[in-house]
Amino acid sequence: MEQENDAQLVKKYLKGDEHALRLLYERHIPAVYNFIARISPSEIDVDDIVQEAFVKAWKNLKKFNLDLSFRTWLFTIAKNVLLDQIKKKRPMIFSLSDQDDAFIDVEDSKPLPDAMLDIRDSDERVAILLNELTPAQRATVVLHVMEDLTFREIGEVLGQPMETVKTRYRRAIASLSKQITNSK
C-alpha cells in the first residue's frame, strides 16, 4: 500500500478522519523532538515544548497551506513555542541570528544502556561540538544534517533568507572542522 503524503493526510483529517492526524503525529514526532532537544536550553522541558507545538499545529491545521511543506510548518511552530518558553523562563532577548553570543546548553537527558556506550560517547561528543556553535548555527546544522531540510526550508523555519542560512551553515561547518582538528 502506498504511503500517503502529509498534504493528503491533512485533507483526510479535515474531512473527519481522526486516524490521519495520528499518522501525521507519529510520522513527525521523532524529528520535532530531536530538533527541540538539540537546540533548547537545559532548563526547558522538551516534552512540554513538543506537546504544545503539536497542539498548536492541530488547532491551526485549517490554516495550513497544502501547497507548503507540513514538516517545515511544524518545525516553525515548534521553534516559536520554544522561543516563547525561553522568553517566559528568562527575561533576556533570545535570537537565532548570527549576532547572538548567548549559548544554549544541550543536555543528554536519556541515559543509554551499557551496550551503547560507544554510541553515547559519540552522541556526547556531537552535543559538545554543537554546543560551541551559536544558537543560529546549531539550529541550522541540526535542521540540515539531522533533519534533512533544504536551506530554503530552514530559511522558512528560522525566518531568514536562504543565503543567510547557507552562510551560517558554512561558518558552522568551518567552526566544527576547526574544533575537531584542534581536539586531535
Protein backbone atom coordinates (compact mmCIF):
# COMPACT_ATOMS: atom_id res chain seq x y z
CA MET A 1 0.00 0.00 0.00
CA GLU A 2 1.33 3.41 -0.96
CA GLN A 3 2.05 5.76 1.93
CA GLU A 4 0.03 8.95 1.88
CA ASN A 5 1.91 12.24 1.89
CA ASP A 6 1.38 14.88 4.55
CA ALA A 7 -0.96 17.02 2.44
CA GLN A 8 -3.21 14.02 1.78
CA LEU A 9 -3.31 13.21 5.50
CA VAL A 10 -4.16 16.82 6.37
CA LYS A 11 -7.03 16.75 3.85
CA LYS A 12 -8.30 13.46 5.28
CA TYR A 13 -8.17 14.84 8.83
CA LEU A 14 -10.02 18.00 7.82
CA LYS A 15 -12.73 15.76 6.34
CA GLY A 16 -13.11 13.99 9.69
CA ASP A 17 -10.58 11.14 9.62
CA GLU A 18 -9.03 11.21 13.12
CA HIS A 19 -6.60 8.43 12.20
CA ALA A 20 -4.91 10.74 9.67
CA LEU A 21 -3.91 13.10 12.49
CA ARG A 22 -2.38 10.21 14.43
CA LEU A 23 -0.35 9.22 11.36
CA LEU A 24 0.94 12.79 10.97
CA TYR A 25 1.86 12.86 14.66
CA GLU A 26 3.66 9.51 14.56
CA ARG A 27 5.47 10.47 11.36
CA HIS A 28 6.83 13.78 12.69
CA ILE A 29 7.17 13.43 16.48
CA PRO A 30 10.72 11.97 16.40
CA ALA A 31 12.12 14.73 14.19
CA VAL A 32 10.44 17.55 16.11
CA TYR A 33 11.53 16.08 19.44
CA ASN A 34 15.15 15.72 18.28
CA PHE A 35 15.19 19.24 16.86
CA ILE A 36 13.91 20.82 20.09
CA ALA A 37 16.10 18.61 22.30
CA ARG A 38 19.22 19.64 20.40
CA ILE A 39 18.63 23.40 20.38
CA SER A 40 16.84 24.08 23.67
CA PRO A 41 18.39 25.26 26.93
CA SER A 42 18.70 22.62 29.63
CA GLU A 43 16.04 24.20 31.87
CA ILE A 44 13.38 23.80 29.18
CA ASP A 45 11.17 20.69 29.29
CA VAL A 46 11.42 19.29 25.76
CA ASP A 47 8.33 17.09 26.18
CA ASP A 48 6.21 20.14 27.05
CA ILE A 49 7.51 22.11 24.07
CA VAL A 50 6.85 19.27 21.64
CA GLN A 51 3.39 18.63 23.06
CA GLU A 52 2.47 22.31 22.86
CA ALA A 53 3.81 22.52 19.28
CA PHE A 54 1.62 19.63 18.17
CA VAL A 55 -1.42 21.06 19.95
CA LYS A 56 -0.88 24.42 18.20
CA ALA A 57 -0.45 22.65 14.87
CA TRP A 58 -3.65 20.67 15.44
CA LYS A 59 -5.60 23.81 16.39
CA ASN A 60 -4.33 25.65 13.31
CA LEU A 61 -4.50 22.80 10.81
CA LYS A 62 -7.35 24.51 8.95
CA LYS A 63 -4.97 27.42 8.26
CA PHE A 64 -2.21 25.18 6.86
CA ASN A 65 -1.45 25.87 3.19
CA LEU A 66 -1.49 22.48 1.48
CA ASP A 67 0.96 23.75 -1.15
CA LEU A 68 3.67 24.16 1.50
CA SER A 69 5.70 21.58 3.41
CA PHE A 70 3.89 20.32 6.50
CA ARG A 71 7.22 19.38 8.08
CA THR A 72 8.63 22.89 7.62
CA TRP A 73 5.42 24.39 9.01
CA LEU A 74 5.62 22.09 12.04
CA PHE A 75 9.29 22.91 12.72
CA THR A 76 8.41 26.62 12.57
CA ILE A 77 5.65 26.15 15.14
CA ALA A 78 8.00 24.12 17.39
CA LYS A 79 10.72 26.78 17.14
CA ASN A 80 8.23 29.52 18.03
CA VAL A 81 6.89 27.57 21.02
CA LEU A 82 10.47 27.08 22.23
CA LEU A 83 11.24 30.79 21.87
CA ASP A 84 8.05 31.65 23.77
CA GLN A 85 9.05 29.32 26.62
CA ILE A 86 12.55 30.77 26.74
CA LYS A 87 11.11 34.28 26.97
CA LYS A 88 8.86 33.15 29.85
CA LYS A 89 11.71 31.49 31.74
CA ARG A 90 14.37 34.15 31.20
CA PRO A 91 13.93 37.87 30.87
CA MET A 92 16.59 38.03 28.17
CA ILE A 93 16.44 38.57 24.45
CA PHE A 94 16.94 35.34 22.51
CA SER A 95 17.63 35.45 18.82
CA LEU A 96 18.55 32.89 16.20
CA SER A 97 20.73 35.44 14.43
CA ASP A 98 24.50 35.27 13.95
CA GLN A 99 24.99 38.27 16.22
CA ASP A 100 23.67 36.36 19.24
CA ASP A 101 26.55 35.43 21.52
CA ALA A 102 24.45 33.53 24.06
CA PHE A 103 24.88 29.76 24.08
CA ILE A 104 22.13 27.23 24.63
CA ASP A 105 23.06 24.22 26.75
CA VAL A 106 22.40 20.84 25.19
CA GLU A 107 21.70 18.17 27.75
CA ASP A 108 21.59 14.43 27.15
CA SER A 109 18.61 13.53 29.29
CA LYS A 110 18.28 9.87 28.32
CA PRO A 111 20.99 7.51 29.61
CA LEU A 112 21.76 4.66 27.26
CA PRO A 113 22.37 1.01 28.20
CA ASP A 114 25.92 -0.21 28.75
CA ALA A 115 25.88 -1.90 25.35
CA MET A 116 25.50 1.53 23.78
CA LEU A 117 28.50 3.21 25.45
CA ASP A 118 30.31 3.93 22.19
CA ILE A 119 27.21 5.50 20.70
CA ARG A 120 26.64 7.53 23.87
CA ASP A 121 30.24 8.78 23.79
CA SER A 122 29.75 9.74 20.16
CA ASP A 123 26.44 11.49 20.94
CA GLU A 124 28.05 13.37 23.82
CA ARG A 125 30.90 14.46 21.56
CA VAL A 126 28.43 15.74 18.96
CA ALA A 127 26.47 17.57 21.68
CA ILE A 128 29.67 19.19 22.98
CA LEU A 129 30.70 20.26 19.49
CA LEU A 130 27.24 21.61 18.69
CA ASN A 131 27.18 23.49 21.99
CA GLU A 132 30.18 25.52 20.82
CA LEU A 133 28.14 26.97 17.94
CA THR A 134 25.83 29.97 18.19
CA PRO A 135 22.13 29.07 18.60
CA ALA A 136 21.52 30.11 14.98
CA GLN A 137 24.35 27.93 13.68
CA ARG A 138 23.28 25.00 15.84
CA ALA A 139 19.67 25.22 14.62
CA THR A 140 20.86 25.41 11.01
CA VAL A 141 23.15 22.38 11.32
CA VAL A 142 20.55 20.30 13.18
CA LEU A 143 17.84 21.09 10.63
CA HIS A 144 20.08 20.45 7.62
CA VAL A 145 22.19 17.49 8.71
CA MET A 146 19.98 15.69 11.20
CA GLU A 147 16.51 16.56 9.87
CA ASP A 148 17.46 16.76 6.16
CA LEU A 149 15.73 20.08 5.48
CA THR A 150 16.84 22.13 2.48
CA PHE A 151 18.36 25.57 3.00
CA ARG A 152 15.13 27.09 1.65
CA GLU A 153 13.07 25.14 4.21
CA ILE A 154 15.46 26.11 7.01
CA GLY A 155 15.08 29.74 5.97
CA GLU A 156 11.31 29.37 6.29
CA VAL A 157 11.59 27.75 9.73
CA LEU A 158 14.03 30.34 11.07
CA GLY A 159 12.55 33.32 9.23
CA GLN A 160 15.85 34.06 7.48
CA PRO A 161 16.82 34.49 3.81
CA MET A 162 18.20 31.34 2.19
CA GLU A 163 21.59 32.99 1.53
CA THR A 164 21.89 33.85 5.24
CA VAL A 165 21.15 30.23 6.10
CA LYS A 166 23.78 28.98 3.62
CA THR A 167 26.39 31.38 5.01
CA ARG A 168 25.54 30.40 8.58
CA TYR A 169 25.84 26.72 7.67
CA ARG A 170 29.25 27.19 6.01
CA ARG A 171 30.52 29.08 9.05
CA ALA A 172 29.19 26.40 11.39
CA ILE A 173 30.85 23.62 9.42
CA ALA A 174 34.12 25.56 9.35
CA SER A 175 33.90 26.06 13.11
CA LEU A 176 33.14 22.37 13.71
CA SER A 177 36.04 21.34 11.46
CA LYS A 178 38.37 23.62 13.38
CA GLN A 179 37.16 22.20 16.72
CA ILE A 180 37.68 18.63 15.53
CA THR A 181 41.16 19.42 14.19
CA ASN A 182 42.18 21.18 17.40
CA SER A 183 40.95 18.32 19.60
CA LYS A 184 43.07 15.66 17.89
